[in-house]
Amino acid sequence: MGIDDKINNASEQAAGKVKEGAGRATGDERLESEGHKDQASANLKQAGEKIKDVFRS
């Protein structure tokens, strides 16, 4: 755990933004919603990593 997890979370968030944008551009509400879900998941994981960092210090 550490930098690898942070990188994976950031890439998951970026992928979610791409999905959301593609869904919005094509009018695909399901794809846009999936992008929102991916971003929320990545944000929760990032928050967990920040909490771990606080307790490691």
PDB file of N, CA and C in Angstrom:
ATOM      1  N   MET A   1       0.844  -1.172   0.000  1.00  0.00           N
ATOM      2  CA  MET A   1       0.000   0.000   0.000  1.00  0.00           C
ATOM      3  C   MET A   1       0.888   1.234   0.000  1.00  0.00           C
ATOM      4  N   GLY A   2       0.395   2.259  -0.592  1.00  0.00           N
ATOM      5  CA  GLY A   2       1.181   3.474  -0.640  1.00  0.00           C
ATOM      6  C   GLY A   2       1.033   4.155  -1.972  1.00  0.00           C
ATOM      7  N   ILE A   3       2.163   4.435  -2.569  1.00  0.00           N
ATOM      8  CA  ILE A   3       2.156   5.216  -3.810  1.00  0.00           C
ATOM      9  C   ILE A   3       1.440   4.482  -4.932  1.00  0.00           C
ATOM     10  N   ASP A   4       1.579   3.157  -4.985  1.00  0.00           N
ATOM     11  CA  ASP A   4       0.890   2.388  -6.029  1.00  0.00           C
ATOM     12  C   ASP A   4      -0.620   2.533  -5.917  1.00  0.00           C
ATOM     13  N   ASP A   5      -1.123   2.459  -4.691  1.00  0.00           N
ATOM     14  CA  ASP A   5      -2.563   2.605  -4.483  1.00  0.00           C
ATOM     15  C   ASP A   5      -3.036   4.004  -4.860  1.00  0.00           C
ATOM     16  N   LYS A   6      -2.232   4.998  -4.517  1.00  0.00           N
ATOM     17  CA  LYS A   6      -2.594   6.378  -4.847  1.00  0.00           C
ATOM     18  C   LYS A   6      -2.644   6.593  -6.355  1.00  0.00           C
ATOM     19  N   ILE A   7      -1.694   5.997  -7.059  1.00  0.00           N
ATOM     20  CA  ILE A   7      -1.672   6.113  -8.519  1.00  0.00           C
ATOM     21  C   ILE A   7      -2.878   5.405  -9.122  1.00  0.00           C
ATOM     22  N   ASN A   8      -3.188   4.215  -8.620  1.00  0.00           N
ATOM     23  CA  ASN A   8      -4.353   3.480  -9.119  1.00  0.00           C
ATOM     24  C   ASN A   8      -5.646   4.249  -8.871  1.00  0.00           C
ATOM     25  N   ASN A   9      -5.759   4.872  -7.705  1.00  0.00           N
ATOM     26  CA  ASN A   9      -6.948   5.656  -7.395  1.00  0.00           C
ATOM     27  C   ASN A   9      -7.074   6.866  -8.318  1.00  0.00           C
ATOM     28  N   ALA A  10      -5.961   7.509  -8.579  1.00  0.00           N
ATOM     29  CA  ALA A  10      -5.978   8.670  -9.473  1.00  0.00           C
ATOM     30  C   ALA A  10      -6.360   8.262 -10.892  1.00  0.00           C
ATOM     31  N   SER A  11      -5.854   7.119 -11.341  1.00  0.00           N
ATOM     32  CA  SER A  11      -6.197   6.672 -12.690  1.00  0.00           C
ATOM     33  C   SER A  11      -7.665   6.245 -12.767  1.00  0.00           C
ATOM     34  N   GLU A  12      -8.176   5.661 -11.687  1.00  0.00           N
ATOM     35  CA  GLU A  12      -9.594   5.294 -11.661  1.00  0.00           C
ATOM     36  C   GLU A  12     -10.474   6.541 -11.711  1.00  0.00           C
ATOM     37  N   GLN A  13     -10.058   7.578 -10.999  1.00  0.00           N
ATOM     38  CA  GLN A  13     -10.811   8.828 -11.016  1.00  0.00           C
ATOM     39  C   GLN A  13     -10.773   9.460 -12.410  1.00  0.00           C
ATOM     40  N   ALA A  14      -9.618   9.436 -13.049  1.00  0.00           N
ATOM     41  CA  ALA A  14      -9.492  10.001 -14.394  1.00  0.00           C
ATOM     42  C   ALA A  14     -10.351   9.224 -15.394  1.00  0.00           C
ATOM     43  N   ALA A  15     -10.356   7.903 -15.259  1.00  0.00           N
ATOM     44  CA  ALA A  15     -11.182   7.083 -16.147  1.00  0.00           C
ATOM     45  C   ALA A  15     -12.656   7.401 -15.942  1.00  0.00           C
ATOM     46  N   GLY A  16     -13.039   7.648 -14.700  1.00  0.00           N
ATOM     47  CA  GLY A  16     -14.425   8.019 -14.410  1.00  0.00           C
ATOM     48  C   GLY A  16     -14.802   9.340 -15.057  1.00  0.00           C
ATOM     49  N   LYS A  17     -13.876  10.286 -15.044  1.00  0.00           N
ATOM     50  CA  LYS A  17     -14.136  11.583 -15.682  1.00  0.00           C
ATOM     51  C   LYS A  17     -14.304  11.419 -17.186  1.00  0.00           C
ATOM     52  N   VAL A  18     -13.492  10.543 -17.777  1.00  0.00           N
ATOM     53  CA  VAL A  18     -13.596  10.297 -19.218  1.00  0.00           C
ATOM     54  C   VAL A  18     -14.943   9.661 -19.539  1.00  0.00           C
ATOM     55  N   LYS A  19     -15.337   8.668 -18.750  1.00  0.00           N
ATOM     56  CA  LYS A  19     -16.633   8.010 -18.962  1.00  0.00           C
ATOM     57  C   LYS A  19     -17.771   9.011 -18.824  1.00  0.00           C
ATOM     58  N   GLU A  20     -17.699   9.838 -17.792  1.00  0.00           N
ATOM     59  CA  GLU A  20     -18.743  10.833 -17.576  1.00  0.00           C
ATOM     60  C   GLU A  20     -18.836  11.781 -18.763  1.00  0.00           C
ATOM     61  N   GLY A  21     -17.692  12.255 -19.233  1.00  0.00           N
ATOM     62  CA  GLY A  21     -17.668  13.169 -20.380  1.00  0.00           C
ATOM     63  C   GLY A  21     -18.189  12.515 -21.645  1.00  0.00           C
ATOM     64  N   ALA A  22     -17.807  11.270 -21.868  1.00  0.00           N
ATOM     65  CA  ALA A  22     -18.282  10.554 -23.052  1.00  0.00           C
ATOM     66  C   ALA A  22     -19.788  10.333 -22.973  1.00  0.00           C
ATOM     67  N   GLY A  23     -20.258   9.995 -21.800  1.00  0.00           N
ATOM     68  CA  GLY A  23     -21.693   9.798 -21.617  1.00  0.00           C
ATOM     69  C   GLY A  23     -22.474  11.076 -21.838  1.00  0.00           C
ATOM     70  N   ARG A  24     -21.936  12.174 -21.340  1.00  0.00           N
ATOM     71  CA  ARG A  24     -22.598  13.469 -21.508  1.00  0.00           C
ATOM     72  C   ARG A  24     -22.606  13.874 -22.977  1.00  0.00           C
ATOM     73  N   ALA A  25     -21.484  13.641 -23.663  1.00  0.00           N
ATOM     74  CA  ALA A  25     -21.363  14.039 -25.069  1.00  0.00           C
ATOM     75  C   ALA A  25     -22.283  13.228 -25.975  1.00  0.00           C
ATOM     76  N   THR A  26     -22.469  11.955 -25.646  1.00  0.00           N
ATOM     77  CA  THR A  26     -23.302  11.097 -26.492  1.00  0.00           C
ATOM     78  C   THR A  26     -24.739  10.992 -26.004  1.00  0.00           C
ATOM     79  N   GLY A  27     -25.025  11.578 -24.843  1.00  0.00           N
ATOM     80  CA  GLY A  27     -26.379  11.496 -24.301  1.00  0.00           C
ATOM     81  C   GLY A  27     -26.663  10.153 -23.638  1.00  0.00           C
ATOM     82  N   ASP A  28     -25.621   9.396 -23.325  1.00  0.00           N
ATOM     83  CA  ASP A  28     -25.764   8.094 -22.690  1.00  0.00           C
ATOM     84  C   ASP A  28     -25.752   8.288 -21.173  1.00  0.00           C
ATOM     85  N   GLU A  29     -26.939   8.325 -20.581  1.00  0.00           N
ATOM     86  CA  GLU A  29     -27.051   8.586 -19.149  1.00  0.00           C
ATOM     87  C   GLU A  29     -26.418   7.467 -18.321  1.00  0.00           C
ATOM     88  N   ARG A  30     -26.483   6.231 -18.813  1.00  0.00           N
ATOM     89  CA  ARG A  30     -25.912   5.106 -18.080  1.00  0.00           C
ATOM     90  C   ARG A  30     -24.385   5.238 -17.983  1.00  0.00           C
ATOM     91  N   LEU A  31     -23.756   5.602 -19.076  1.00  0.00           N
ATOM     92  CA  LEU A  31     -22.309   5.775 -19.095  1.00  0.00           C
ATOM     93  C   LEU A  31     -21.897   6.955 -18.212  1.00  0.00           C
ATOM     94  N   GLU A  32     -22.661   8.022 -18.273  1.00  0.00           N
ATOM     95  CA  GLU A  32     -22.377   9.191 -17.438  1.00  0.00           C
ATOM     96  C   GLU A  32     -22.494   8.823 -15.954  1.00  0.00           C
ATOM     97  N   SER A  33     -23.517   8.066 -15.618  1.00  0.00           N
ATOM     98  CA  SER A  33     -23.720   7.623 -14.241  1.00  0.00           C
ATOM     99  C   SER A  33     -22.587   6.705 -13.786  1.00  0.00           C
ATOM    100  N   GLU A  34     -22.159   5.840 -14.670  1.00  0.00           N
ATOM    101  CA  GLU A  34     -21.055   4.930 -14.363  1.00  0.00           C
ATOM    102  C   GLU A  34     -19.780   5.728 -14.076  1.00  0.00           C
ATOM    103  N   GLY A  35     -19.581   6.794 -14.824  1.00  0.00           N
ATOM    104  CA  GLY A  35     -18.424   7.662 -14.598  1.00  0.00           C
ATOM    105  C   GLY A  35     -18.474   8.319 -13.230  1.00  0.00           C
ATOM    106  N   HIS A  36     -19.666   8.784 -12.834  1.00  0.00           N
ATOM    107  CA  HIS A  36     -19.841   9.369 -11.504  1.00  0.00           C
ATOM    108  C   HIS A  36     -19.517   8.332 -10.427  1.00  0.00           C
ATOM    109  N   LYS A  37     -19.996   7.117 -10.627  1.00  0.00           N
ATOM    110  CA  LYS A  37     -19.774   6.046  -9.654  1.00  0.00           C
ATOM    111  C   LYS A  37     -18.287   5.745  -9.526  1.00  0.00           C
ATOM    112  N   ASP A  38     -17.582   5.659 -10.639  1.00  0.00           N
ATOM    113  CA  ASP A  38     -16.146   5.385 -10.616  1.00  0.00           C
ATOM    114  C   ASP A  38     -15.382   6.488  -9.878  1.00  0.00           C
ATOM    115  N   GLN A  39     -15.769   7.733 -10.112  1.00  0.00           N
ATOM    116  CA  GLN A  39     -15.110   8.847  -9.441  1.00  0.00           C
ATOM    117  C   GLN A  39     -15.361   8.809  -7.937  1.00  0.00           C
ATOM    118  N   ALA A  40     -16.591   8.510  -7.544  1.00  0.00           N
ATOM    119  CA  ALA A  40     -16.919   8.435  -6.119  1.00  0.00           C
ATOM    120  C   ALA A  40     -16.133   7.322  -5.443  1.00  0.00           C
ATOM    121  N   SER A  41     -16.022   6.197  -6.115  1.00  0.00           N
ATOM    122  CA  SER A  41     -15.271   5.073  -5.574  1.00  0.00           C
ATOM    123  C   SER A  41     -13.798   5.449  -5.387  1.00  0.00           C
ATOM    124  N   ALA A  42     -13.234   6.092  -6.367  1.00  0.00           N
ATOM    125  CA  ALA A  42     -11.831   6.516  -6.278  1.00  0.00           C
ATOM    126  C   ALA A  42     -11.641   7.533  -5.160  1.00  0.00           C
ATOM    127  N   ASN A  43     -12.591   8.438  -5.006  1.00  0.00           N
ATOM    128  CA  ASN A  43     -12.483   9.441  -3.938  1.00  0.00           C
ATOM    129  C   ASN A  43     -12.513   8.786  -2.565  1.00  0.00           C
ATOM    130  N   LEU A  44     -13.355   7.778  -2.386  1.00  0.00           N
ATOM    131  CA  LEU A  44     -13.402   7.070  -1.108  1.00  0.00           C
ATOM    132  C   LEU A  44     -12.091   6.347  -0.834  1.00  0.00           C
ATOM    133  N   LYS A  45     -11.549   5.735  -1.857  1.00  0.00           N
ATOM    134  CA  LYS A  45     -10.269   5.033  -1.690  1.00  0.00           C
ATOM    135  C   LYS A  45      -9.158   6.013  -1.343  1.00  0.00           C
ATOM    136  N   GLN A  46      -9.168   7.184  -1.983  1.00  0.00           N
ATOM    137  CA  GLN A  46      -8.153   8.192  -1.693  1.00  0.00           C
ATOM    138  C   GLN A  46      -8.282   8.691  -0.253  1.00  0.00           C
ATOM    139  N   ALA A  47      -9.508   8.843   0.210  1.00  0.00           N
ATOM    140  CA  ALA A  47      -9.724   9.262   1.591  1.00  0.00           C
ATOM    141  C   ALA A  47      -9.169   8.212   2.547  1.00  0.00           C
ATOM    142  N   GLY A  48      -9.372   6.951   2.227  1.00  0.00           N
ATOM    143  CA  GLY A  48      -8.830   5.877   3.053  1.00  0.00           C
ATOM    144  C   GLY A  48      -7.312   5.920   3.096  1.00  0.00           C
ATOM    145  N   GLU A  49      -6.688   6.201   1.959  1.00  0.00           N
ATOM    146  CA  GLU A  49      -5.230   6.306   1.918  1.00  0.00           C
ATOM    147  C   GLU A  49      -4.740   7.472   2.775  1.00  0.00           C
ATOM    148  N   LYS A  50      -5.460   8.589   2.734  1.00  0.00           N
ATOM    149  CA  LYS A  50      -5.068   9.746   3.551  1.00  0.00           C
ATOM    150  C   LYS A  50      -5.165   9.424   5.036  1.00  0.00           C
ATOM    151  N   ILE A  51      -6.189   8.688   5.430  1.00  0.00           N
ATOM    152  CA  ILE A  51      -6.343   8.295   6.828  1.00  0.00           C
ATOM    153  C   ILE A  51      -5.196   7.378   7.250  1.00  0.00           C
ATOM    154  N   LYS A  52      -4.840   6.449   6.375  1.00  0.00           N
ATOM    155  CA  LYS A  52      -3.705   5.565   6.674  1.00  0.00           C
ATOM    156  C   LYS A  52      -2.429   6.374   6.862  1.00  0.00           C
ATOM    157  N   ASP A  53      -2.231   7.382   6.008  1.00  0.00           N
ATOM    158  CA  ASP A  53      -1.037   8.205   6.094  1.00  0.00           C
ATOM    159  C   ASP A  53      -0.978   8.951   7.428  1.00  0.00           C
ATOM    160  N   VAL A  54      -2.117   9.401   7.917  1.00  0.00           N
ATOM    161  CA  VAL A  54      -2.158  10.128   9.190  1.00  0.00           C
ATOM    162  C   VAL A  54      -1.710   9.218  10.320  1.00  0.00           C
ATOM    163  N   PHE A  55      -2.161   7.969  10.311  1.00  0.00           N
ATOM    164  CA  PHE A  55      -1.819   7.065  11.390  1.00  0.00           C
ATOM    165  C   PHE A  55      -0.394   6.517  11.277  1.00  0.00           C
ATOM    166  N   ARG A  56       0.192   6.569  10.105  1.00  0.00           N
ATOM    167  CA  ARG A  56       1.578   6.131   9.931  1.00  0.00           C
ATOM    168  C   ARG A  56       2.553   7.158  10.463  1.00  0.00           C
ATOM    169  N   SER A  57       2.155   8.407  10.474  1.00  0.00           N
ATOM    170  CA  SER A  57       3.056   9.494  10.892  1.00  0.00           C
ATOM    171  C   SER A  57       3.300   9.505  12.373  1.00  0.00           C
TER     172      SER A  57
END
